[in-house]
Protein backbone atom coordinates (compact mmCIF):
# COMPACT_ATOMS: atom_id res chain seq x y z
CA MET A 1 28.51 62.60 -37.04
CA TRP A 2 26.71 61.37 -33.97
CA SER A 3 26.23 57.62 -33.66
CA LYS A 4 22.59 56.49 -33.93
CA SER A 5 22.43 55.82 -30.21
CA ALA A 6 23.89 59.21 -29.38
CA GLN A 7 21.24 60.92 -31.47
CA ILE A 8 18.32 59.30 -29.64
CA GLU A 9 18.22 62.07 -27.06
CA HIS A 10 18.96 65.61 -28.26
CA LEU A 11 20.90 67.71 -25.77
CA CYS A 12 19.38 70.97 -24.62
CA LEU A 13 21.43 71.74 -21.54
CA LYS A 14 22.38 74.76 -19.11
CA VAL A 15 25.60 75.45 -17.18
CA ASN A 16 24.85 77.57 -14.14
CA GLU A 17 28.08 79.35 -13.26
CA SER A 18 26.78 80.35 -9.84
CA HIS A 19 29.12 79.27 -7.05
CA ARG A 20 26.37 79.34 -4.43
CA LYS A 21 26.76 76.42 -2.06
CA PRO A 22 23.47 74.56 -1.67
CA GLN A 23 21.89 74.22 1.75
CA ARG A 24 21.80 70.56 2.72
CA SER A 25 20.13 68.83 5.60
CA PRO A 26 22.48 66.43 7.42
CA ASN A 27 19.58 64.02 7.84
CA GLN A 28 18.62 64.00 4.17
CA LYS A 29 18.72 60.49 2.73
CA ILE A 30 18.59 59.70 -0.97
CA GLN A 31 17.78 56.18 -2.15
CA VAL A 32 20.44 55.64 -4.82
CA ILE A 33 22.51 52.50 -5.21
CA MET A 34 26.19 53.40 -5.32
CA GLU A 35 28.76 51.01 -6.77
CA GLN A 36 31.16 49.89 -4.06
CA SER A 37 34.93 49.75 -4.32
CA PRO A 38 37.47 49.42 -1.49
CA LYS A 39 38.56 53.06 -1.56
CA LYS A 40 38.73 56.10 -3.78
CA HIS A 41 40.71 55.51 -6.93
CA THR A 42 42.20 58.10 -9.27
CA GLY A 43 41.92 55.69 -12.19
CA GLY A 44 45.64 54.98 -12.41
CA ASN A 45 48.83 54.59 -10.40
CA SER A 46 50.10 57.86 -11.90
CA LYS A 47 48.58 60.82 -13.69
CA ALA A 48 49.75 59.41 -17.02
CA SER A 49 48.22 55.99 -16.44
CA ALA A 50 45.02 57.61 -15.13
CA LEU A 51 44.66 59.55 -18.36
CA ARG A 52 45.50 56.47 -20.42
CA THR A 53 42.86 54.41 -18.59
CA ARG A 54 40.13 56.99 -19.03
CA THR A 55 41.09 57.49 -22.67
CA ALA A 56 40.78 53.74 -23.17
CA ALA A 57 37.34 53.85 -21.54
CA HIS A 58 36.31 56.55 -24.00
CA HIS A 59 37.58 54.41 -26.88
CA VAL A 60 35.47 51.49 -25.62
CA VAL A 61 32.36 53.64 -25.16
CA ARG A 62 32.70 55.27 -28.58
CA ASN A 63 32.94 51.91 -30.34
CA VAL A 64 30.07 50.31 -28.42
CA LEU A 65 27.79 53.24 -29.22
CA ALA A 66 28.71 52.62 -32.86
CA GLY A 67 27.55 49.01 -32.63
CA ASP A 68 30.34 46.95 -31.06
CA VAL A 69 29.81 44.67 -28.06
CA LEU A 70 31.05 45.83 -24.66
CA ASP A 71 32.43 42.44 -23.61
CA VAL A 72 34.37 42.14 -26.86
CA MET A 73 35.83 45.63 -26.54
CA LEU A 74 36.84 44.99 -22.92
CA ALA A 75 38.47 41.70 -23.94
CA LYS A 76 40.56 43.62 -26.46
CA GLU A 77 41.60 46.14 -23.81
CA ALA A 78 42.49 43.31 -21.42
CA ARG A 79 45.09 42.14 -23.95
CA ARG A 80 46.80 45.53 -23.80
CA ASP A 81 49.39 46.49 -21.21
CA HIS A 82 47.02 47.76 -18.51
CA ASP A 83 47.87 47.58 -14.82
CA PRO A 84 45.35 45.15 -13.20
CA ARG A 85 43.93 47.89 -11.00
CA ASP A 86 43.53 50.20 -13.97
CA MET A 87 41.83 47.45 -15.97
CA ALA A 88 39.36 46.89 -13.12
CA PHE A 89 38.67 50.64 -13.09
CA LEU A 90 38.15 50.64 -16.86
CA LYS A 91 35.68 47.76 -16.68
CA GLN A 92 33.70 49.34 -13.87
CA LEU A 93 33.61 52.75 -15.52
CA THR A 94 32.39 51.48 -18.88
CA MET A 95 29.83 49.14 -17.34
CA LEU A 96 28.41 51.94 -15.18
CA TYR A 97 28.42 54.29 -18.15
CA PHE A 98 25.95 52.11 -20.01
CA LYS A 99 24.02 51.22 -16.89
CA HIS A 100 23.38 54.89 -16.04
CA LEU A 101 23.63 56.59 -19.44
CA GLY A 102 19.98 57.63 -19.34
CA SER A 103 20.45 59.36 -15.99
CA VAL A 104 23.68 61.02 -17.07
CA ARG A 105 22.09 62.43 -20.22
CA ARG A 106 19.17 63.68 -18.18
CA VAL A 107 21.60 65.52 -15.92
CA MET A 108 23.37 66.95 -18.97
CA ARG A 109 20.08 68.31 -20.30
CA LYS A 110 19.55 70.04 -16.95
CA MET A 111 23.05 71.48 -16.78
CA ILE A 112 23.87 72.81 -20.26
CA GLU A 113 21.90 75.57 -21.93
CA ARG A 114 22.85 75.09 -25.58
CA PRO A 115 23.18 71.77 -27.41
CA ILE A 116 26.68 70.41 -27.88
CA PRO A 117 27.41 70.61 -31.62
CA THR A 118 26.86 67.34 -33.48
CA LYS A 119 30.47 67.13 -34.59
CA ALA A 120 31.62 67.41 -30.96
CA TYR A 121 30.05 64.12 -29.83
CA LYS A 122 33.40 63.05 -28.35
CA VAL A 123 33.18 65.93 -25.89
CA GLN A 124 29.76 64.80 -24.79
CA GLN A 125 30.93 61.24 -24.22
CA ILE A 126 33.96 62.40 -22.23
CA ILE A 127 31.79 64.59 -19.99
CA GLU A 128 29.35 61.71 -19.55
CA LEU A 129 32.22 59.48 -18.39
CA GLY A 130 33.21 62.17 -15.91
CA LEU A 131 29.67 62.37 -14.57
CA VAL A 132 29.57 58.60 -14.08
CA GLN A 133 32.69 58.86 -11.95
CA VAL A 134 31.41 61.63 -9.68
CA LEU A 135 27.88 60.25 -9.35
CA TYR A 136 28.26 56.47 -9.27
CA MET A 137 31.86 55.63 -8.37
CA ARG A 138 34.13 56.22 -5.42
CA THR A 139 36.50 58.10 -7.66
CA ASP A 140 38.44 61.06 -6.32
CA ASP A 141 36.40 64.08 -7.48
CA HIS A 142 39.46 66.19 -8.24
CA ALA A 143 40.95 63.41 -10.37
CA ALA A 144 37.68 62.92 -12.25
CA VAL A 145 37.46 66.63 -13.13
CA ASP A 146 41.15 67.05 -13.90
CA GLN A 147 41.33 64.02 -16.18
CA THR A 148 38.04 64.83 -17.95
CA VAL A 149 39.22 68.36 -18.77
CA GLU A 150 42.60 67.07 -19.96
CA MET A 151 40.91 64.51 -22.23
CA VAL A 152 38.88 67.29 -23.86
CA ALA A 153 42.02 69.43 -24.18
CA LYS A 154 43.77 66.62 -26.08
CA LEU A 155 41.08 66.32 -28.75
CA LYS A 156 42.08 67.30 -32.29
CA HIS A 157 39.64 70.01 -33.29
CA PRO A 158 39.89 73.55 -31.82
CA GLN A 159 36.10 73.70 -31.32
CA GLU A 160 36.28 70.57 -29.16
CA VAL A 161 39.26 71.82 -27.18
CA ALA A 162 37.41 75.08 -26.49
CA MET A 163 34.77 73.11 -24.58
CA LYS A 164 37.15 72.16 -21.76
CA GLY A 165 35.81 75.07 -19.71
CA MET A 166 32.28 73.80 -20.10
CA ALA A 167 33.38 70.30 -19.05
CA ASN A 168 35.02 71.73 -15.95
CA ALA A 169 31.95 73.79 -15.07
CA VAL A 170 29.49 70.92 -15.49
CA LEU A 171 31.44 68.48 -13.36
CA ARG A 172 32.19 70.98 -10.61
CA ARG A 173 28.56 72.01 -10.37
CA VAL A 174 27.42 68.39 -10.14
CA ILE A 175 29.99 67.74 -7.41
CA ARG A 176 28.70 70.75 -5.43
CA GLU A 177 25.09 69.65 -5.92
CA LYS A 178 25.57 65.89 -5.79
CA GLU A 179 22.75 65.11 -3.36
CA GLU A 180 20.28 67.28 -5.26
CA THR A 181 21.36 65.72 -8.55
CA LEU A 182 20.91 62.18 -7.26
CA ALA A 183 17.47 63.11 -5.93
CA PHE A 184 16.60 64.57 -9.34
CA ILE A 185 17.66 61.31 -11.01
CA ALA A 186 15.70 59.17 -8.55
CA ARG A 187 12.40 60.87 -9.44
CA ASP A 188 12.24 58.90 -12.70
CA GLN A 189 12.58 55.17 -12.03
CA ALA A 190 12.90 54.32 -15.72
CA THR A 191 15.41 57.04 -16.52
CA ASP A 192 18.17 54.56 -17.42
CA LEU A 193 16.15 52.87 -20.14
CA ALA A 194 17.04 53.98 -23.67
CA PRO A 195 14.19 55.99 -25.21
CA TRP A 196 13.41 53.45 -27.95
CA ILE A 197 13.05 50.66 -25.39
CA LYS A 198 11.18 52.79 -22.89
CA PHE A 199 8.61 53.75 -25.53
CA ARG A 200 8.13 50.20 -26.84
CA TRP A 201 7.84 48.64 -23.39
CA ALA A 202 5.34 51.30 -22.30
CA GLU A 203 3.13 50.23 -25.21
CA GLN A 204 3.72 46.53 -24.58
CA PHE A 205 3.54 46.35 -20.79
CA GLY A 206 2.25 49.72 -19.56
CA GLY A 207 3.93 52.58 -17.73
CA LYS A 208 3.84 51.01 -14.26
CA VAL A 209 5.64 47.90 -15.48
CA VAL A 210 8.25 50.03 -17.22
CA ASP A 211 8.90 51.87 -13.95
CA ALA A 212 9.17 48.55 -12.13
CA ILE A 213 11.61 47.20 -14.71
CA GLY A 214 13.63 50.39 -14.52
CA ALA A 215 13.83 50.15 -10.73
CA SER A 216 14.93 46.51 -10.94
CA LEU A 217 17.76 47.40 -13.32
CA ALA A 218 19.23 49.83 -10.80
CA GLY A 219 19.97 47.19 -8.19
CA ALA A 220 22.81 44.71 -7.85
CA VAL A 221 22.52 41.60 -10.03
CA PRO A 222 22.36 38.36 -8.02
CA ILE A 223 24.29 35.22 -8.94
CA ASP A 224 22.19 32.10 -9.59
CA LEU A 225 23.42 28.53 -9.67
CA THR A 226 21.79 25.57 -11.41
CA PRO A 227 22.29 22.34 -9.44
CA LYS A 228 23.47 19.32 -11.38
CA ASN A 229 21.10 17.28 -9.24
CA PRO A 230 17.90 19.22 -8.42
CA ASP A 231 17.40 17.09 -5.30
CA GLU A 232 20.58 18.62 -3.87
CA ALA A 233 19.45 22.24 -4.22
CA LYS A 234 18.88 22.76 -0.49
CA ALA A 235 22.24 21.23 0.43
CA ILE A 236 24.01 23.36 -2.16
CA ALA A 237 22.23 26.49 -0.92
CA LYS A 238 23.41 25.80 2.60
CA ALA A 239 26.98 25.15 1.48
CA VAL A 240 27.28 28.35 -0.58
CA ASP A 241 25.25 30.65 1.70
CA GLY A 242 22.32 30.95 -0.65
CA PHE A 243 18.63 30.09 -0.88
CA VAL A 244 16.49 28.07 -3.26
CA MET A 245 14.28 29.94 -5.71
CA PRO A 246 10.79 28.58 -6.59
CA THR A 247 12.05 27.20 -9.91
CA GLY A 248 14.91 25.27 -8.30
CA SER A 249 17.83 27.64 -8.90
CA VAL A 250 20.08 28.50 -5.97
CA ARG A 251 20.62 32.23 -5.45
CA LEU A 252 23.67 33.50 -3.58
CA LYS A 253 23.01 36.02 -0.83
CA GLU A 254 26.14 37.95 -1.74
CA ALA A 255 28.39 38.17 -4.78
CA THR A 256 31.63 36.25 -4.40
CA ASP A 257 34.35 34.42 -6.29
CA ILE A 258 32.38 31.38 -7.43
CA THR A 259 35.52 29.35 -8.11
CA LYS A 260 36.12 29.33 -4.35
CA LEU A 261 32.67 27.98 -3.49
CA GLU A 262 32.07 24.41 -2.42
CA GLY A 263 31.04 22.24 -5.33
CA PHE A 264 32.61 24.30 -8.11
CA GLU A 265 35.57 22.03 -8.82
CA ASP A 266 33.39 18.94 -8.51
CA GLY A 267 30.97 20.36 -11.08
CA ASN A 268 27.96 20.11 -8.77
CA TRP A 269 26.47 23.30 -10.22
CA TRP A 270 27.04 26.06 -12.77
CA VAL A 271 26.20 29.75 -12.97
CA GLN A 272 22.96 30.45 -14.86
CA ASP A 273 20.26 33.06 -14.31
CA MET A 274 17.09 31.48 -12.95
CA ALA A 275 15.08 32.65 -15.98
CA ALA A 276 17.55 31.12 -18.41
CA ALA A 277 17.33 27.84 -16.50
CA ILE A 278 13.58 27.39 -17.05
CA PRO A 279 13.30 26.50 -20.80
CA ALA A 280 15.37 23.29 -20.58
CA THR A 281 13.00 21.96 -17.89
CA LEU A 282 9.90 22.22 -20.10
CA PHE A 283 10.32 18.98 -22.09
CA GLY A 284 9.19 16.64 -19.33
CA ASN A 285 10.92 13.27 -19.10
CA ILE A 286 13.85 13.15 -21.56
CA GLU A 287 15.76 10.25 -20.01
CA GLY A 288 17.49 8.40 -22.86
CA LYS A 289 16.28 10.86 -25.51
CA VAL A 290 18.44 12.64 -28.09
CA VAL A 291 18.04 16.42 -27.79
CA VAL A 292 19.62 18.96 -30.13
CA ASP A 293 20.62 22.20 -28.41
CA PHE A 294 20.78 24.84 -31.14
CA CYS A 295 22.88 27.98 -30.44
CA ALA A 296 24.14 26.09 -27.41
CA ALA A 297 27.14 28.09 -26.16
CA PRO A 298 28.09 28.79 -23.41
CA GLY A 299 26.35 25.58 -22.37
CA GLY A 300 24.04 26.13 -19.41
CA LYS A 301 21.06 24.53 -21.12
CA THR A 302 23.25 21.79 -22.60
CA MET A 303 24.30 20.74 -19.11
CA GLN A 304 20.71 20.89 -17.88
CA LEU A 305 19.59 18.54 -20.64
CA ALA A 306 22.44 16.15 -19.91
CA ALA A 307 21.62 16.26 -16.19
CA GLN A 308 18.08 15.14 -17.07
CA GLY A 309 19.47 12.04 -18.76
CA ALA A 310 19.41 13.13 -22.40
CA SER A 311 22.12 12.63 -24.99
CA VAL A 312 22.77 16.16 -26.19
CA VAL A 313 24.01 17.42 -29.53
CA ALA A 314 25.28 20.94 -28.83
CA VAL A 315 25.36 23.01 -32.03
CA ASP A 316 26.77 26.52 -32.34
CA ARG A 317 28.43 28.44 -35.16
CA SER A 318 31.07 30.02 -32.88
CA LEU A 319 34.12 27.87 -32.30
CA GLN A 320 35.38 30.27 -29.65
CA ARG A 321 32.14 30.13 -27.67
CA LEU A 322 32.05 26.36 -27.98
CA GLU A 323 35.45 26.16 -26.30
CA ARG A 324 33.85 27.64 -23.20
CA LEU A 325 31.02 25.11 -23.52
CA ARG A 326 33.56 22.27 -23.68
CA GLU A 327 35.22 23.56 -20.50
CA ASN A 328 31.88 23.71 -18.69
CA VAL A 329 30.87 20.25 -19.86
CA ALA A 330 34.22 18.83 -18.76
CA ARG A 331 33.98 20.42 -15.29
CA THR A 332 30.48 19.04 -14.77
CA GLN A 333 31.56 15.60 -16.03
CA PHE A 334 29.05 15.43 -18.88
CA LYS A 335 31.56 14.73 -21.67
CA ASP A 336 30.06 11.30 -22.32
CA LYS A 337 26.57 12.78 -22.66
CA VAL A 338 27.37 15.71 -24.98
CA SER A 339 28.49 15.89 -28.60
CA VAL A 340 29.75 19.32 -29.69
CA LEU A 341 29.42 20.50 -33.30
CA VAL A 342 30.41 23.71 -35.04
CA ALA A 343 27.58 24.32 -37.51
CA ASP A 344 25.05 26.86 -38.78
CA ALA A 345 21.61 26.33 -37.26
CA THR A 346 19.91 27.58 -40.43
CA ASN A 347 20.99 24.55 -42.48
CA TRP A 348 22.53 21.87 -40.24
CA VAL A 349 21.09 18.39 -40.75
CA PRO A 350 21.63 15.67 -38.11
CA GLN A 351 23.25 12.39 -39.06
CA MET A 352 21.34 10.58 -36.33
CA GLU A 353 17.73 10.25 -35.22
CA ILE A 354 16.69 12.95 -32.79
CA ASP A 355 13.77 13.31 -30.42
CA HIS A 356 13.57 16.97 -29.37
CA ILE A 357 15.12 20.38 -30.07
CA LEU A 358 15.93 23.30 -27.79
CA LEU A 359 16.40 26.50 -29.77
CA ASP A 360 17.84 29.42 -27.80
CA ALA A 361 17.66 31.72 -30.79
CA PRO A 362 19.97 34.67 -31.50
CA CYS A 363 18.18 37.76 -30.20
CA SER A 364 18.47 41.39 -29.16
CA ALA A 365 19.07 40.30 -25.54
CA THR A 366 17.00 43.19 -24.17
CA GLY A 367 15.94 40.95 -21.30
CA THR A 368 19.53 40.94 -19.99
CA LEU A 369 19.99 44.68 -19.45
CA ARG A 370 20.84 44.04 -15.80
CA ARG A 371 24.01 42.26 -16.95
CA ASN A 372 24.46 43.79 -20.41
CA PRO A 373 23.36 47.43 -20.17
CA ASP A 374 25.16 48.31 -23.40
CA VAL A 375 22.64 46.31 -25.45
CA GLN A 376 19.98 49.03 -25.40
CA TRP A 377 22.45 51.69 -26.54
CA SER A 378 24.22 49.69 -29.26
CA LYS A 379 21.08 48.19 -30.81
CA GLY A 380 17.79 49.50 -32.10
CA LEU A 381 14.82 48.57 -34.24
CA PRO A 382 16.85 47.79 -37.38
CA GLU A 383 18.86 45.19 -35.47
CA VAL A 384 15.70 43.73 -33.92
CA ASN A 385 14.11 43.36 -37.35
CA LYS A 386 17.18 41.59 -38.74
CA LEU A 387 17.18 39.18 -35.81
CA VAL A 388 13.46 38.45 -36.23
CA LYS A 389 14.14 37.27 -39.79
CA LEU A 390 17.05 35.10 -38.65
CA GLN A 391 15.00 33.60 -35.83
CA ALA A 392 12.20 32.69 -38.25
CA GLU A 393 14.69 31.06 -40.60
CA ILE A 394 16.23 28.93 -37.85
CA LEU A 395 12.84 28.06 -36.36
CA ASP A 396 11.44 26.95 -39.73
CA HIS A 397 14.46 24.76 -40.41
CA ALA A 398 14.65 23.30 -36.90
CA PHE A 399 11.01 22.22 -36.99
CA THR A 400 11.60 20.20 -40.19
CA LEU A 401 14.12 18.08 -38.27
CA LEU A 402 11.61 16.98 -35.63
CA PRO A 403 9.93 13.57 -35.74
CA VAL A 404 6.18 13.29 -35.20
CA GLY A 405 5.60 13.67 -31.46
CA GLY A 406 8.88 15.55 -31.06
CA MET A 407 8.99 18.73 -29.01
CA LEU A 408 10.69 22.04 -29.84
CA ILE A 409 11.33 24.63 -27.15
CA TYR A 410 11.87 28.07 -28.66
CA CYS A 411 13.33 30.72 -26.34
CA VAL A 412 14.97 34.14 -26.42
CA CYS A 413 16.42 36.39 -23.71
CA SER A 414 14.51 39.32 -25.18
CA LEU A 415 11.42 41.24 -24.14
CA GLU A 416 10.60 42.39 -27.67
CA ASP A 417 7.22 41.07 -28.79
CA GLU A 418 8.40 40.47 -32.38
CA GLU A 419 11.04 38.06 -31.11
CA GLY A 420 8.65 36.27 -28.76
CA ALA A 421 4.88 35.91 -28.98
CA THR A 422 4.49 37.40 -32.45
CA GLN A 423 7.29 35.21 -33.79
CA ILE A 424 5.55 32.08 -32.52
CA GLU A 425 2.08 33.18 -33.66
CA ASP A 426 3.40 33.79 -37.17
CA PHE A 427 5.11 30.39 -37.16
CA LEU A 428 2.00 28.53 -35.99
CA ALA A 429 -0.16 30.29 -38.57
CA LYS A 430 1.96 29.00 -41.44
CA THR A 431 2.84 25.57 -40.00
CA PRO A 432 -0.21 23.28 -39.74
CA LYS A 433 1.85 20.41 -38.34
CA ALA A 434 2.88 22.49 -35.34
CA LYS A 435 0.86 22.56 -32.13
CA LEU A 436 1.43 24.86 -29.19
CA VAL A 437 1.69 22.98 -25.89
CA PRO A 438 0.79 25.61 -23.27
CA ILE A 439 3.20 26.37 -20.44
CA ARG A 440 1.37 26.57 -17.12
CA SER A 441 2.35 27.85 -13.69
CA ARG A 442 2.95 24.27 -12.50
CA ASN A 443 5.75 24.08 -15.10
CA VAL A 444 7.50 27.14 -13.65
CA GLY A 445 7.59 26.56 -9.92
CA GLY A 446 4.00 27.72 -9.38
CA LEU A 447 4.85 31.28 -10.38
CA ASN A 448 1.64 32.44 -12.06
CA LYS A 449 3.17 35.66 -13.37
CA LEU A 450 5.63 33.75 -15.54
CA ALA A 451 2.98 31.79 -17.49
CA THR A 452 0.90 33.94 -19.83
CA LYS A 453 -2.75 33.27 -20.66
CA GLU A 454 -1.63 32.31 -24.19
CA GLY A 455 0.56 29.55 -22.79
CA TYR A 456 3.98 31.17 -23.12
CA LEU A 457 6.77 31.68 -20.59
CA GLN A 458 7.39 35.41 -20.08
CA CYS A 459 9.90 36.44 -17.43
CA ARG A 460 10.65 40.09 -16.72
CA PRO A 461 13.39 41.74 -14.64
CA ASP A 462 10.80 43.05 -12.17
CA HIS A 463 9.41 39.58 -11.41
CA LEU A 464 10.42 38.45 -7.91
CA ALA A 465 11.96 41.88 -7.38
CA ASN A 466 11.89 41.35 -3.60
CA LYS A 467 14.26 38.41 -4.10
CA GLY A 468 16.57 40.10 -6.60
CA GLY A 469 14.59 39.82 -9.84
CA MET A 470 15.52 37.80 -12.92
CA ASP A 471 16.46 38.25 -16.56
CA GLY A 472 13.78 38.81 -19.17
CA PHE A 473 13.05 35.60 -21.05
CA PHE A 474 10.44 34.21 -23.44
CA ALA A 475 9.76 30.56 -24.28
CA ALA A 476 7.17 28.56 -26.19
CA ARG A 477 6.66 24.79 -26.34
CA ILE A 478 5.75 23.35 -29.75
CA GLU A 479 4.93 19.76 -30.70
CA ARG A 480 5.04 18.23 -34.17
CA ILE A 481 1.71 16.48 -34.73
CA GLY A 482 2.05 15.28 -38.31
């Protein structure tokens, strides 16, 4: 059967067997961002390794569409005996597959007349991977077609194998009509948003915002650094060839190996999207205070709190993720300021007096599609609803741990209303001792668009698009008054 994500868009497609060569203007320019690689790559150092690499990519895609996490699946593949160049190809192919899956499926609908049978979903995925290669990668076209057809030919069922001719025809037509196909894709700015997200965001934000978000997701994702000492932001920006954002983050002008940048080994900064860096700054003066950082890994907010002079209790249920947090804390020389605990945020009780709590709650992560494009294809409304219940449970428990006058910052890297504003409104309605402390533009670098009229922080990927955008993020500031 099709996976839930694969069923979202039904295929009604048309292979045109005409071999007419399209007339193209040499001056025609199409605004499409192409992923850069040093030179064309067949996807392997031999035909056998090329096929193995693409087959592994299909395995990854199939499992992610069934609900697995892309990063986890790639980590598993990295432990296999892949040539480094092949592994890089596999990572790029699978990442671009989820980044452009909406566009690829739109092209499929245009190219194929009859729907691919439900039981042949593997064929569809293999063709989609082939289309990603010819449209968005500097892959050798012949290799992309040859390997795609061979992958279909190696499937188990005769009905699937019989579709190798269709796979060949689709890819060859797209190669012949590449410029026209890219222009067709570009006409819908939000084409790479999954239908369930596109529909919800249109209701929540409006069609123009959805188009703006879609356009922002197509571009390269900038790297942001959080300075250990905010007063050194300008100096750090100069040293790493970056610029300072209004909220104090340093944005690199070009992607690079961050471990080679000045200040990395000394722990003068860490990588953290500018939106993710805002919530930890909303407490005000926390010098000498004890702050619990719930769901703390990988540690960006933990280090921010420590840099502001707080003693931080970093709590997370994942031992593996906390190991990364420990590494980050050690590099930034905050070991004396941070206590690390493996615990469940739904029932952990501190053995010390605390002042404030930062809760970066588990969420659907739909605000991070720029970096995690698989999220929208591996999750849906059922997963969102489960997370909403978990968030409420953690929020209710966390608030009981606060002293009178203590502050709780609730945040999620999601754009779903149930996980943000509605979650907080429901909490406030049932918790008379909780008071919303509005977040204003002065709290977020003077950026009016980030502070809602209700007093929440709401970042979107299209905000500051002319400077590279940001992740989607929501935050609310709550004080215990009794």
